[in-house]
Amino acid sequence: MAGTGGKFKVRCPACGVANLIPADREGETGKCGGCHGALPPLYLHPVPLTDRSFDSFVAHYPGPVLAEFWAPW
């Protein structure tokens, strides 16, 4: 995913076509311009999760996920 003037390039998980998504559409799902399949929502900022919300957000997210784990100890 690369930034291009307030837009981000997101590849369709179904057909591989690169789609330009406006940055102001963060968190919204989109439709592929090639196959019209669903595009996963784009998140520009970290989404804080807990042990209760992790599975519902990360395990079922249709695209790649970058997770950082930390502990205060």
C-alpha atoms as a PDB file:
ATOM      1  CA  MET A   1       0.000   0.000   0.000  1.00  0.00           C
ATOM      2  CA  ALA A   2       1.695   3.197  -1.113  1.00  0.00           C
ATOM      3  CA  GLY A   3       0.538   6.775  -0.656  1.00  0.00           C
ATOM      4  CA  THR A   4      -0.179   8.870  -3.762  1.00  0.00           C
ATOM      5  CA  GLY A   5      -1.304  12.428  -2.966  1.00  0.00           C
ATOM      6  CA  GLY A   6      -3.924  11.703  -0.303  1.00  0.00           C
ATOM      7  CA  LYS A   7      -4.778   8.348  -1.849  1.00  0.00           C
ATOM      8  CA  PHE A   8      -3.519   4.869  -1.080  1.00  0.00           C
ATOM      9  CA  LYS A   9      -3.014   1.988  -3.465  1.00  0.00           C
ATOM     10  CA  VAL A  10      -4.710  -1.192  -2.226  1.00  0.00           C
ATOM     11  CA  ARG A  11      -4.556  -4.454  -4.169  1.00  0.00           C
ATOM     12  CA  CYS A  12      -7.753  -6.455  -4.464  1.00  0.00           C
ATOM     13  CA  PRO A  13      -7.416  -9.775  -2.601  1.00  0.00           C
ATOM     14  CA  ALA A  14      -9.517 -11.501  -5.288  1.00  0.00           C
ATOM     15  CA  CYS A  15      -8.033 -10.300  -8.601  1.00  0.00           C
ATOM     16  CA  GLY A  16      -4.884  -8.347  -7.668  1.00  0.00           C
ATOM     17  CA  VAL A  17      -5.914  -5.074  -9.364  1.00  0.00           C
ATOM     18  CA  ALA A  18      -4.463  -1.955  -7.686  1.00  0.00           C
ATOM     19  CA  ASN A  19      -7.203   0.414  -6.507  1.00  0.00           C
ATOM     20  CA  LEU A  20      -6.669   4.025  -5.379  1.00  0.00           C
ATOM     21  CA  ILE A  21      -8.503   4.682  -2.121  1.00  0.00           C
ATOM     22  CA  PRO A  22      -8.883   8.288  -0.833  1.00  0.00           C
ATOM     23  CA  ALA A  23      -7.339   8.756   2.624  1.00  0.00           C
ATOM     24  CA  ASP A  24     -10.583  10.271   3.933  1.00  0.00           C
ATOM     25  CA  ARG A  25     -12.328   6.895   3.457  1.00  0.00           C
ATOM     26  CA  GLU A  26     -10.423   5.331   6.362  1.00  0.00           C
ATOM     27  CA  GLY A  27     -12.214   2.374   7.944  1.00  0.00           C
ATOM     28  CA  GLU A  28     -14.706   1.990   5.091  1.00  0.00           C
ATOM     29  CA  THR A  29     -14.931  -1.004   2.795  1.00  0.00           C
ATOM     30  CA  GLY A  30     -14.719  -0.402  -0.922  1.00  0.00           C
ATOM     31  CA  LYS A  31     -15.377  -2.124  -4.218  1.00  0.00           C
ATOM     32  CA  CYS A  32     -12.650  -3.240  -6.634  1.00  0.00           C
ATOM     33  CA  GLY A  33     -12.613  -1.340  -9.919  1.00  0.00           C
ATOM     34  CA  GLY A  34     -11.648  -4.540 -11.756  1.00  0.00           C
ATOM     35  CA  CYS A  35     -13.765  -7.415 -10.458  1.00  0.00           C
ATOM     36  CA  HIS A  36     -16.181  -5.384  -8.261  1.00  0.00           C
ATOM     37  CA  GLY A  37     -15.311  -7.630  -5.311  1.00  0.00           C
ATOM     38  CA  ALA A  38     -15.131  -6.258  -1.771  1.00  0.00           C
ATOM     39  CA  LEU A  39     -11.965  -4.453  -0.688  1.00  0.00           C
ATOM     40  CA  PRO A  40     -10.971  -4.636   2.975  1.00  0.00           C
ATOM     41  CA  PRO A  41     -11.209  -1.390   4.949  1.00  0.00           C
ATOM     42  CA  LEU A  42      -8.070   0.757   5.019  1.00  0.00           C
ATOM     43  CA  TYR A  43      -6.734   1.917   8.385  1.00  0.00           C
ATOM     44  CA  LEU A  44      -4.136   4.709   8.366  1.00  0.00           C
ATOM     45  CA  HIS A  45      -3.603   4.779  12.120  1.00  0.00           C
ATOM     46  CA  PRO A  46      -3.151   1.996  14.679  1.00  0.00           C
ATOM     47  CA  VAL A  47      -6.367   0.506  16.006  1.00  0.00           C
ATOM     48  CA  PRO A  48      -6.055  -0.263  19.735  1.00  0.00           C
ATOM     49  CA  LEU A  49      -7.355  -3.738  20.556  1.00  0.00           C
ATOM     50  CA  THR A  50      -7.840  -5.732  23.728  1.00  0.00           C
ATOM     51  CA  ASP A  51      -7.852  -9.457  24.347  1.00  0.00           C
ATOM     52  CA  ARG A  52     -11.633  -9.327  23.876  1.00  0.00           C
ATOM     53  CA  SER A  53     -11.629  -7.430  20.568  1.00  0.00           C
ATOM     54  CA  PHE A  54      -8.549  -9.027  18.941  1.00  0.00           C
ATOM     55  CA  ASP A  55     -10.242 -12.075  17.396  1.00  0.00           C
ATOM     56  CA  SER A  56     -13.233 -10.191  16.042  1.00  0.00           C
ATOM     57  CA  PHE A  57     -10.998  -7.604  14.348  1.00  0.00           C
ATOM     58  CA  VAL A  58      -7.716  -9.316  13.409  1.00  0.00           C
ATOM     59  CA  ALA A  59      -8.616 -12.973  12.895  1.00  0.00           C
ATOM     60  CA  HIS A  60     -11.474 -12.124  10.553  1.00  0.00           C
ATOM     61  CA  TYR A  61      -9.828  -9.204   8.674  1.00  0.00           C
ATOM     62  CA  PRO A  62      -9.650 -10.151   4.964  1.00  0.00           C
ATOM     63  CA  GLY A  63      -6.364  -8.352   4.286  1.00  0.00           C
ATOM     64  CA  PRO A  64      -2.862  -8.366   5.752  1.00  0.00           C
ATOM     65  CA  VAL A  65      -2.504  -7.228   9.358  1.00  0.00           C
ATOM     66  CA  LEU A  66       0.512  -5.783  11.162  1.00  0.00           C
ATOM     67  CA  ALA A  67       0.251  -6.355  14.910  1.00  0.00           C
ATOM     68  CA  GLU A  68       2.500  -4.989  17.643  1.00  0.00           C
ATOM     69  CA  PHE A  69       2.327  -6.531  21.094  1.00  0.00           C
ATOM     70  CA  TRP A  70       3.708  -4.926  24.219  1.00  0.00           C
ATOM     71  CA  ALA A  71       3.440  -5.151  27.972  1.00  0.00           C
ATOM     72  CA  PRO A  72       4.190  -2.549  30.653  1.00  0.00           C
ATOM     73  CA  TRP A  73       6.594  -4.853  32.475  1.00  0.00           C
END
